[in-house]
Amino acid sequence: METGLQDRPTYQLVNISQKYSSNVFIEIDNRKIDYKSIMGVMSLGLAPNTTITLIVVELMKESY
């Protein structure tokens, strides 16, 4: 039986997202989860073929 996001690929994607200073979120059904949190992503319990929204917010530094 096929399930949604598997542990290893999820860990790898979260690990990659943690290398960047941008804020990364995954949104589904009005729930927004920090994509840098493995527990948060796994808690979504995504099923195969589920449509998600990936949000990346670049942090900008002000220059004076």
C-alpha atoms as a PDB file:
ATOM      1  CA  MET A   1       0.000   0.000   0.000  1.00  0.00           C
ATOM      2  CA  GLU A   2       1.480   3.323  -1.077  1.00  0.00           C
ATOM      3  CA  THR A   3       1.351   6.219   1.346  1.00  0.00           C
ATOM      4  CA  GLY A   4       2.292   9.880   1.061  1.00  0.00           C
ATOM      5  CA  LEU A   5       5.661  11.409   1.843  1.00  0.00           C
ATOM      6  CA  GLN A   6       8.032   8.708   2.983  1.00  0.00           C
ATOM      7  CA  ASP A   7      10.468   9.253   5.869  1.00  0.00           C
ATOM      8  CA  ARG A   8      13.753   9.306   3.959  1.00  0.00           C
ATOM      9  CA  PRO A   9      12.754  11.605   1.054  1.00  0.00           C
ATOM     10  CA  THR A  10      10.983  13.907   3.513  1.00  0.00           C
ATOM     11  CA  TYR A  11      14.093  14.070   5.694  1.00  0.00           C
ATOM     12  CA  GLN A  12      16.251  14.825   2.641  1.00  0.00           C
ATOM     13  CA  LEU A  13      13.985  17.659   1.448  1.00  0.00           C
ATOM     14  CA  VAL A  14      13.752  19.182   4.927  1.00  0.00           C
ATOM     15  CA  ASN A  15      17.532  18.901   5.307  1.00  0.00           C
ATOM     16  CA  ILE A  16      18.071  20.729   2.002  1.00  0.00           C
ATOM     17  CA  SER A  17      15.630  23.508   2.965  1.00  0.00           C
ATOM     18  CA  GLN A  18      17.513  24.053   6.251  1.00  0.00           C
ATOM     19  CA  LYS A  19      20.629  25.087   4.311  1.00  0.00           C
ATOM     20  CA  TYR A  20      18.971  28.309   3.138  1.00  0.00           C
ATOM     21  CA  SER A  21      18.143  31.461   5.085  1.00  0.00           C
ATOM     22  CA  SER A  22      14.744  31.767   3.397  1.00  0.00           C
ATOM     23  CA  ASN A  23      11.607  30.788   5.266  1.00  0.00           C
ATOM     24  CA  VAL A  24       9.983  27.782   3.596  1.00  0.00           C
ATOM     25  CA  PHE A  25       6.421  26.696   4.290  1.00  0.00           C
ATOM     26  CA  ILE A  26       4.133  23.983   2.968  1.00  0.00           C
ATOM     27  CA  GLU A  27       0.414  24.753   2.924  1.00  0.00           C
ATOM     28  CA  ILE A  28      -2.524  22.402   2.594  1.00  0.00           C
ATOM     29  CA  ASP A  29      -6.166  22.877   3.612  1.00  0.00           C
ATOM     30  CA  ASN A  30      -5.463  26.238   5.305  1.00  0.00           C
ATOM     31  CA  ARG A  31      -2.646  24.712   7.400  1.00  0.00           C
ATOM     32  CA  LYS A  32       0.778  26.289   6.977  1.00  0.00           C
ATOM     33  CA  ILE A  33       3.718  24.255   8.289  1.00  0.00           C
ATOM     34  CA  ASP A  34       7.371  25.287   8.535  1.00  0.00           C
ATOM     35  CA  TYR A  35       9.073  23.108   5.919  1.00  0.00           C
ATOM     36  CA  LYS A  36      12.282  23.148   7.940  1.00  0.00           C
ATOM     37  CA  SER A  37      10.530  21.094  10.641  1.00  0.00           C
ATOM     38  CA  ILE A  38      10.583  17.364   9.928  1.00  0.00           C
ATOM     39  CA  MET A  39       7.911  16.735  12.579  1.00  0.00           C
ATOM     40  CA  GLY A  40       5.698  19.458  11.119  1.00  0.00           C
ATOM     41  CA  VAL A  41       5.911  18.061   7.599  1.00  0.00           C
ATOM     42  CA  MET A  42       5.333  14.474   8.732  1.00  0.00           C
ATOM     43  CA  SER A  43       2.342  15.584  10.836  1.00  0.00           C
ATOM     44  CA  LEU A  44       0.514  16.590   7.646  1.00  0.00           C
ATOM     45  CA  GLY A  45       0.078  12.932   6.690  1.00  0.00           C
ATOM     46  CA  LEU A  46       0.030  13.777   2.995  1.00  0.00           C
ATOM     47  CA  ALA A  47      -1.551  11.208   0.706  1.00  0.00           C
ATOM     48  CA  PRO A  48      -0.335  10.452  -2.829  1.00  0.00           C
ATOM     49  CA  ASN A  49      -1.436  12.984  -5.462  1.00  0.00           C
ATOM     50  CA  THR A  50      -2.259  15.616  -2.839  1.00  0.00           C
ATOM     51  CA  THR A  51      -1.933  19.175  -4.113  1.00  0.00           C
ATOM     52  CA  ILE A  52       0.152  21.397  -1.861  1.00  0.00           C
ATOM     53  CA  THR A  53       1.420  24.962  -1.982  1.00  0.00           C
ATOM     54  CA  LEU A  54       5.109  25.569  -1.339  1.00  0.00           C
ATOM     55  CA  ILE A  55       5.851  29.084  -0.062  1.00  0.00           C
ATOM     56  CA  VAL A  56       9.391  30.491  -0.015  1.00  0.00           C
ATOM     57  CA  VAL A  57       9.969  33.853   1.644  1.00  0.00           C
ATOM     58  CA  GLU A  58      13.382  35.403   0.998  1.00  0.00           C
ATOM     59  CA  LEU A  59      14.730  37.359   3.928  1.00  0.00           C
ATOM     60  CA  MET A  60      16.032  40.729   2.809  1.00  0.00           C
ATOM     61  CA  LYS A  61      18.635  42.714   4.700  1.00  0.00           C
ATOM     62  CA  GLU A  62      18.213  46.453   4.817  1.00  0.00           C
ATOM     63  CA  SER A  63      21.160  48.536   3.720  1.00  0.00           C
ATOM     64  CA  TYR A  64      21.734  52.021   5.039  1.00  0.00           C
END
